[in-house]
PDB file of all heavy atoms in Angstrom:
ATOM      1  N   ASP A   1      49.662  51.250-122.246  1.00  0.00           N
ATOM      2  CA  ASP A   1      48.914  52.376-122.097  1.00  0.00           C
ATOM      3  C   ASP A   1      48.275  52.883-123.377  1.00  0.00           C
ATOM      4  O   ASP A   1      47.466  53.981-123.345  1.00  0.00           O
ATOM      5  CB  ASP A   1      49.895  53.577-121.531  1.00  0.00           C
ATOM      6  CG  ASP A   1      50.437  53.410-120.117  1.00  0.00           C
ATOM      7  OD1 ASP A   1      49.653  52.901-119.245  1.00  0.00           O
ATOM      8  OD2 ASP A   1      51.617  53.701-119.987  1.00  0.00           O
ATOM      9  N   THR A   2      48.535  52.229-124.468  1.00  0.00           N
ATOM     10  CA  THR A   2      47.953  52.597-125.833  1.00  0.00           C
ATOM     11  C   THR A   2      46.439  52.534-125.648  1.00  0.00           C
ATOM     12  O   THR A   2      45.865  51.316-125.305  1.00  0.00           O
ATOM     13  CB  THR A   2      48.411  51.828-126.816  1.00  0.00           C
ATOM     14  OG1 THR A   2      49.938  52.066-126.925  1.00  0.00           O
ATOM     15  CG2 THR A   2      47.849  52.095-128.167  1.00  0.00           C
ATOM     16  N   ALA A   3      45.676  53.502-125.983  1.00  0.00           N
ATOM     17  CA  ALA A   3      44.224  53.583-125.906  1.00  0.00           C
ATOM     18  C   ALA A   3      43.689  54.880-126.294  1.00  0.00           C
ATOM     19  O   ALA A   3      44.468  55.834-126.436  1.00  0.00           O
ATOM     20  CB  ALA A   3      43.750  53.308-124.421  1.00  0.00           C
ATOM     21  N   VAL A   4      42.371  54.948-126.543  1.00  0.00           N
ATOM     22  CA  VAL A   4      41.776  56.260-126.585  1.00  0.00           C
ATOM     23  C   VAL A   4      41.456  56.815-125.235  1.00  0.00           C
ATOM     24  O   VAL A   4      40.815  55.851-124.533  1.00  0.00           O
ATOM     25  CB  VAL A   4      40.477  56.111-127.517  1.00  0.00           C
ATOM     26  CG1 VAL A   4      39.878  57.526-127.438  1.00  0.00           C
ATOM     27  CG2 VAL A   4      40.855  55.709-128.889  1.00  0.00           C
ATOM     28  N   TYR A   5      41.791  57.900-124.984  1.00  0.00           N
ATOM     29  CA  TYR A   5      41.548  58.571-123.562  1.00  0.00           C
ATOM     30  C   TYR A   5      40.482  59.471-123.691  1.00  0.00           C
ATOM     31  O   TYR A   5      40.389  60.317-124.531  1.00  0.00           O
ATOM     32  CB  TYR A   5      42.773  59.161-123.015  1.00  0.00           C
ATOM     33  CG  TYR A   5      43.884  58.204-122.643  1.00  0.00           C
ATOM     34  CD1 TYR A   5      44.635  57.402-123.517  1.00  0.00           C
ATOM     35  CD2 TYR A   5      44.267  58.026-121.122  1.00  0.00           C
ATOM     36  CE1 TYR A   5      45.404  56.541-123.134  1.00  0.00           C
ATOM     37  CE2 TYR A   5      45.130  57.053-120.857  1.00  0.00           C
ATOM     38  CZ  TYR A   5      45.777  56.297-121.714  1.00  0.00           C
ATOM     39  OH  TYR A   5      46.780  55.452-121.359  1.00  0.00           O
ATOM     40  N   TYR A   6      39.533  59.325-122.716  1.00  0.00           N
ATOM     41  CA  TYR A   6      38.331  60.165-122.653  1.00  0.00           C
ATOM     42  C   TYR A   6      38.215  60.824-121.338  1.00  0.00           C
ATOM     43  O   TYR A   6      38.715  60.250-120.353  1.00  0.00           O
ATOM     44  CB  TYR A   6      37.027  59.270-122.772  1.00  0.00           C
ATOM     45  CG  TYR A   6      36.961  58.415-124.061  1.00  0.00           C
ATOM     46  CD1 TYR A   6      37.487  57.226-124.042  1.00  0.00           C
ATOM     47  CD2 TYR A   6      36.309  59.004-125.264  1.00  0.00           C
ATOM     48  CE1 TYR A   6      37.321  56.435-125.272  1.00  0.00           C
ATOM     49  CE2 TYR A   6      36.139  58.298-126.333  1.00  0.00           C
ATOM     50  CZ  TYR A   6      36.717  56.948-126.383  1.00  0.00           C
ATOM     51  OH  TYR A   6      36.583  56.171-127.585  1.00  0.00           O
ATOM     52  N   CYS A   7      37.662  61.968-121.329  1.00  0.00           N
ATOM     53  CA  CYS A   7      37.316  62.585-120.000  1.00  0.00           C
ATOM     54  C   CYS A   7      35.800  62.695-119.902  1.00  0.00           C
ATOM     55  O   CYS A   7      34.993  62.914-120.864  1.00  0.00           O
ATOM     56  CB  CYS A   7      38.030  63.845-119.801  1.00  0.00           C
ATOM     57  SG  CYS A   7      37.842  65.253-121.032  1.00  0.00           S
ATOM     58  N   ALA A   8      35.366  62.839-118.630  1.00  0.00           N
ATOM     59  CA  ALA A   8      33.913  62.923-118.443  1.00  0.00           C
ATOM     60  C   ALA A   8      33.598  63.605-116.999  1.00  0.00           C
ATOM     61  O   ALA A   8      34.523  63.433-116.170  1.00  0.00           O
ATOM     62  CB  ALA A   8      33.261  61.454-118.509  1.00  0.00           C
ATOM     63  N   VAL A   9      32.566  64.244-116.913  1.00  0.00           N
ATOM     64  CA  VAL A   9      32.112  64.668-115.592  1.00  0.00           C
ATOM     65  C   VAL A   9      31.735  63.610-114.639  1.00  0.00           C
ATOM     66  O   VAL A   9      30.900  62.692-115.117  1.00  0.00           O
ATOM     67  CB  VAL A   9      30.871  65.774-115.777  1.00  0.00           C
ATOM     68  CG1 VAL A   9      30.463  66.117-114.441  1.00  0.00           C
ATOM     69  CG2 VAL A   9      31.438  66.864-116.626  1.00  0.00           C
ATOM     70  N   ASP A  10      32.130  63.458-113.512  1.00  0.00           N
ATOM     71  CA  ASP A  10      31.760  62.478-112.570  1.00  0.00           C
ATOM     72  C   ASP A  10      30.853  63.185-111.416  1.00  0.00           C
ATOM     73  O   ASP A  10      31.314  63.906-110.639  1.00  0.00           O
ATOM     74  CB  ASP A  10      32.922  61.817-111.963  1.00  0.00           C
ATOM     75  CG  ASP A  10      32.627  60.596-111.136  1.00  0.00           C
ATOM     76  OD1 ASP A  10      31.513  60.588-110.624  1.00  0.00           O
ATOM     77  OD2 ASP A  10      33.485  59.700-111.014  1.00  0.00           O
ATOM     78  N   ARG A  11      29.549  62.926-111.651  1.00  0.00           N
ATOM     79  CA  ARG A  11      28.595  63.604-110.838  1.00  0.00           C
ATOM     80  C   ARG A  11      28.639  63.106-109.322  1.00  0.00           C
ATOM     81  O   ARG A  11      28.122  63.654-108.329  1.00  0.00           O
ATOM     82  CB  ARG A  11      27.258  63.399-111.378  1.00  0.00           C
ATOM     83  CG  ARG A  11      26.937  64.083-112.635  1.00  0.00           C
ATOM     84  CD  ARG A  11      26.887  65.611-112.492  1.00  0.00           C
ATOM     85  NE  ARG A  11      25.676  66.013-111.610  1.00  0.00           N
ATOM     86  CZ  ARG A  11      24.457  66.136-111.983  1.00  0.00           C
ATOM     87  NH1 ARG A  11      24.069  65.966-113.256  1.00  0.00           N
ATOM     88  NH2 ARG A  11      23.503  66.540-111.129  1.00  0.00           N
ATOM     89  N   ASP A  12      29.360  61.962-109.084  1.00  0.00           N
ATOM     90  CA  ASP A  12      29.311  61.487-107.841  1.00  0.00           C
ATOM     91  C   ASP A  12      30.766  61.511-107.139  1.00  0.00           C
ATOM     92  O   ASP A  12      31.161  60.899-106.342  1.00  0.00           O
ATOM     93  CB  ASP A  12      29.098  59.931-107.998  1.00  0.00           C
ATOM     94  CG  ASP A  12      28.671  59.241-106.676  1.00  0.00           C
ATOM     95  OD1 ASP A  12      28.142  59.971-105.763  1.00  0.00           O
ATOM     96  OD2 ASP A  12      28.998  58.086-106.324  1.00  0.00           O
ATOM     97  N   GLN A  13      31.507  62.566-107.565  1.00  0.00           N
ATOM     98  CA  GLN A  13      32.865  63.064-106.983  1.00  0.00           C
ATOM     99  C   GLN A  13      33.745  61.849-107.003  1.00  0.00           C
ATOM    100  O   GLN A  13      34.197  61.351-105.912  1.00  0.00           O
ATOM    101  CB  GLN A  13      32.665  63.509-105.463  1.00  0.00           C
ATOM    102  CG  GLN A  13      31.974  64.920-105.461  1.00  0.00           C
ATOM    103  CD  GLN A  13      32.765  65.931-106.306  1.00  0.00           C
ATOM    104  OE1 GLN A  13      33.882  66.118-106.202  1.00  0.00           O
ATOM    105  NE2 GLN A  13      31.938  66.775-107.067  1.00  0.00           N
ATOM    106  N   CYS A  14      34.031  61.257-108.117  1.00  0.00           N
ATOM    107  CA  CYS A  14      34.881  60.117-108.372  1.00  0.00           C
ATOM    108  C   CYS A  14      34.471  58.722-107.955  1.00  0.00           C
ATOM    109  O   CYS A  14      35.179  57.859-107.589  1.00  0.00           O
ATOM    110  CB  CYS A  14      36.259  60.506-107.877  1.00  0.00           C
ATOM    111  SG  CYS A  14      37.095  61.852-108.736  1.00  0.00           S
ATOM    112  N   GLY A  15      33.152  58.736-107.756  1.00  0.00           N
ATOM    113  CA  GLY A  15      32.568  57.351-107.539  1.00  0.00           C
ATOM    114  C   GLY A  15      32.495  56.483-108.699  1.00  0.00           C
ATOM    115  O   GLY A  15      32.225  55.294-108.628  1.00  0.00           O
ATOM    116  N   PHE A  16      32.747  57.039-109.976  1.00  0.00           N
ATOM    117  CA  PHE A  16      32.740  56.342-111.156  1.00  0.00           C
ATOM    118  C   PHE A  16      31.393  55.589-111.435  1.00  0.00           C
ATOM    119  O   PHE A  16      31.383  54.663-112.232  1.00  0.00           O
ATOM    120  CB  PHE A  16      33.846  55.280-111.220  1.00  0.00           C
ATOM    121  CG  PHE A  16      35.209  55.948-111.341  1.00  0.00           C
ATOM    122  CD1 PHE A  16      35.934  56.567-110.471  1.00  0.00           C
ATOM    123  CD2 PHE A  16      35.891  55.911-112.795  1.00  0.00           C
ATOM    124  CE1 PHE A  16      37.160  57.205-110.659  1.00  0.00           C
ATOM    125  CE2 PHE A  16      37.155  56.321-112.881  1.00  0.00           C
ATOM    126  CZ  PHE A  16      37.734  57.100-111.832  1.00  0.00           C
ATOM    127  N   ARG A  17      30.363  56.304-111.175  1.00  0.00           N
ATOM    128  CA  ARG A  17      29.076  55.750-111.272  1.00  0.00           C
ATOM    129  C   ARG A  17      28.231  56.554-112.140  1.00  0.00           C
ATOM    130  O   ARG A  17      27.278  56.072-113.004  1.00  0.00           O
ATOM    131  CB  ARG A  17      28.337  55.332-109.979  1.00  0.00           C
ATOM    132  CG  ARG A  17      29.024  54.270-109.217  1.00  0.00           C
ATOM    133  CD  ARG A  17      28.221  53.964-107.862  1.00  0.00           C
ATOM    134  NE  ARG A  17      27.972  55.156-106.906  1.00  0.00           N
ATOM    135  CZ  ARG A  17      27.252  55.170-106.026  1.00  0.00           C
ATOM    136  NH1 ARG A  17      26.369  54.230-105.708  1.00  0.00           N
ATOM    137  NH2 ARG A  17      27.357  56.288-105.230  1.00  0.00           N
ATOM    138  N   TYR A  18      28.304  57.776-111.972  1.00  0.00           N
ATOM    139  CA  TYR A  18      27.425  58.767-112.668  1.00  0.00           C
ATOM    140  C   TYR A  18      28.307  59.647-113.665  1.00  0.00           C
ATOM    141  O   TYR A  18      28.656  60.862-113.156  1.00  0.00           O
ATOM    142  CB  TYR A  18      26.611  59.575-111.706  1.00  0.00           C
ATOM    143  CG  TYR A  18      25.754  58.705-110.798  1.00  0.00           C
ATOM    144  CD1 TYR A  18      26.160  58.539-109.553  1.00  0.00           C
ATOM    145  CD2 TYR A  18      24.695  58.108-111.413  1.00  0.00           C
ATOM    146  CE1 TYR A  18      25.353  57.718-108.815  1.00  0.00           C
ATOM    147  CE2 TYR A  18      23.860  57.403-110.481  1.00  0.00           C
ATOM    148  CZ  TYR A  18      24.230  57.180-109.145  1.00  0.00           C
ATOM    149  OH  TYR A  18      23.440  56.475-108.443  1.00  0.00           O
ATOM    150  N   LEU A  19      28.504  59.113-114.787  1.00  0.00           N
ATOM    151  CA  LEU A  19      29.507  59.806-115.688  1.00  0.00           C
ATOM    152  C   LEU A  19      28.732  60.421-116.923  1.00  0.00           C
ATOM    153  O   LEU A  19      27.942  59.765-117.521  1.00  0.00           O
ATOM    154  CB  LEU A  19      30.445  58.676-116.247  1.00  0.00           C
ATOM    155  CG  LEU A  19      31.258  57.939-115.241  1.00  0.00           C
ATOM    156  CD1 LEU A  19      32.068  56.815-115.743  1.00  0.00           C
ATOM    157  CD2 LEU A  19      32.068  58.862-114.311  1.00  0.00           C
ATOM    158  N   GLU A  20      28.942  61.749-116.950  1.00  0.00           N
ATOM    159  CA  GLU A  20      28.203  62.412-118.052  1.00  0.00           C
ATOM    160  C   GLU A  20      29.224  63.356-118.945  1.00  0.00           C
ATOM    161  O   GLU A  20      30.370  63.565-118.515  1.00  0.00           O
ATOM    162  CB  GLU A  20      27.159  63.382-117.281  1.00  0.00           C
ATOM    163  CG  GLU A  20      26.118  62.674-116.497  1.00  0.00           C
ATOM    164  CD  GLU A  20      25.245  63.541-115.845  1.00  0.00           C
ATOM    165  OE1 GLU A  20      25.475  64.837-115.743  1.00  0.00           O
ATOM    166  OE2 GLU A  20      24.277  63.048-115.195  1.00  0.00           O
ATOM    167  N   VAL A  21      28.644  63.846-119.921  1.00  0.00           N
ATOM    168  CA  VAL A  21      29.402  64.854-120.768  1.00  0.00           C
ATOM    169  C   VAL A  21      30.712  64.264-121.195  1.00  0.00           C
ATOM    170  O   VAL A  21      31.669  64.881-120.904  1.00  0.00           O
ATOM    171  CB  VAL A  21      29.497  66.241-120.165  1.00  0.00           C
ATOM    172  CG1 VAL A  21      29.735  67.271-121.094  1.00  0.00           C
ATOM    173  CG2 VAL A  21      28.127  66.732-119.398  1.00  0.00           C
ATOM    174  N   TRP A  22      30.637  63.186-121.883  1.00  0.00           N
ATOM    175  CA  TRP A  22      31.860  62.556-122.440  1.00  0.00           C
ATOM    176  C   TRP A  22      32.534  63.432-123.546  1.00  0.00           C
ATOM    177  O   TRP A  22      31.768  63.925-124.353  1.00  0.00           O
ATOM    178  CB  TRP A  22      31.531  61.239-122.977  1.00  0.00           C
ATOM    179  CG  TRP A  22      31.413  60.206-121.776  1.00  0.00           C
ATOM    180  CD1 TRP A  22      30.102  59.854-121.332  1.00  0.00           C
ATOM    181  CD2 TRP A  22      32.275  59.318-121.206  1.00  0.00           C
ATOM    182  NE1 TRP A  22      30.174  58.964-120.294  1.00  0.00           N
ATOM    183  CE2 TRP A  22      31.506  58.602-120.270  1.00  0.00           C
ATOM    184  CE3 TRP A  22      33.676  59.236-121.239  1.00  0.00           C
ATOM    185  CZ2 TRP A  22      32.072  57.655-119.430  1.00  0.00           C
ATOM    186  CZ3 TRP A  22      34.240  58.294-120.442  1.00  0.00           C
ATOM    187  CH2 TRP A  22      33.495  57.539-119.482  1.00  0.00           C
ATOM    188  N   GLY A  23      33.780  63.549-123.451  1.00  0.00           N
ATOM    189  CA  GLY A  23      34.449  64.167-124.598  1.00  0.00           C
ATOM    190  C   GLY A  23      34.605  63.249-125.703  1.00  0.00           C
ATOM    191  O   GLY A  23      34.302  62.035-125.677  1.00  0.00           O
ATOM    192  N   GLN A  24      35.240  63.770-126.769  1.00  0.00           N
ATOM    193  CA  GLN A  24      35.533  62.995-128.009  1.00  0.00           C
ATOM    194  C   GLN A  24      36.534  61.881-127.847  1.00  0.00           C
ATOM    195  O   GLN A  24      36.602  60.889-128.516  1.00  0.00           O
ATOM    196  CB  GLN A  24      35.680  63.713-129.116  1.00  0.00           C
ATOM    197  CG  GLN A  24      34.641  64.564-129.807  1.00  0.00           C
ATOM    198  CD  GLN A  24      33.599  63.680-130.360  1.00  0.00           C
ATOM    199  OE1 GLN A  24      32.419  63.447-129.770  1.00  0.00           O
ATOM    200  NE2 GLN A  24      33.998  63.115-131.566  1.00  0.00           N
TER     201      GLN A  24
END
């Protein structure tokens, strides 16, 4: 599980295709 974890807005309701506004 070791990794850098990011969050992002998913404009496609969890379709994982339109990801915007990534955090640090």
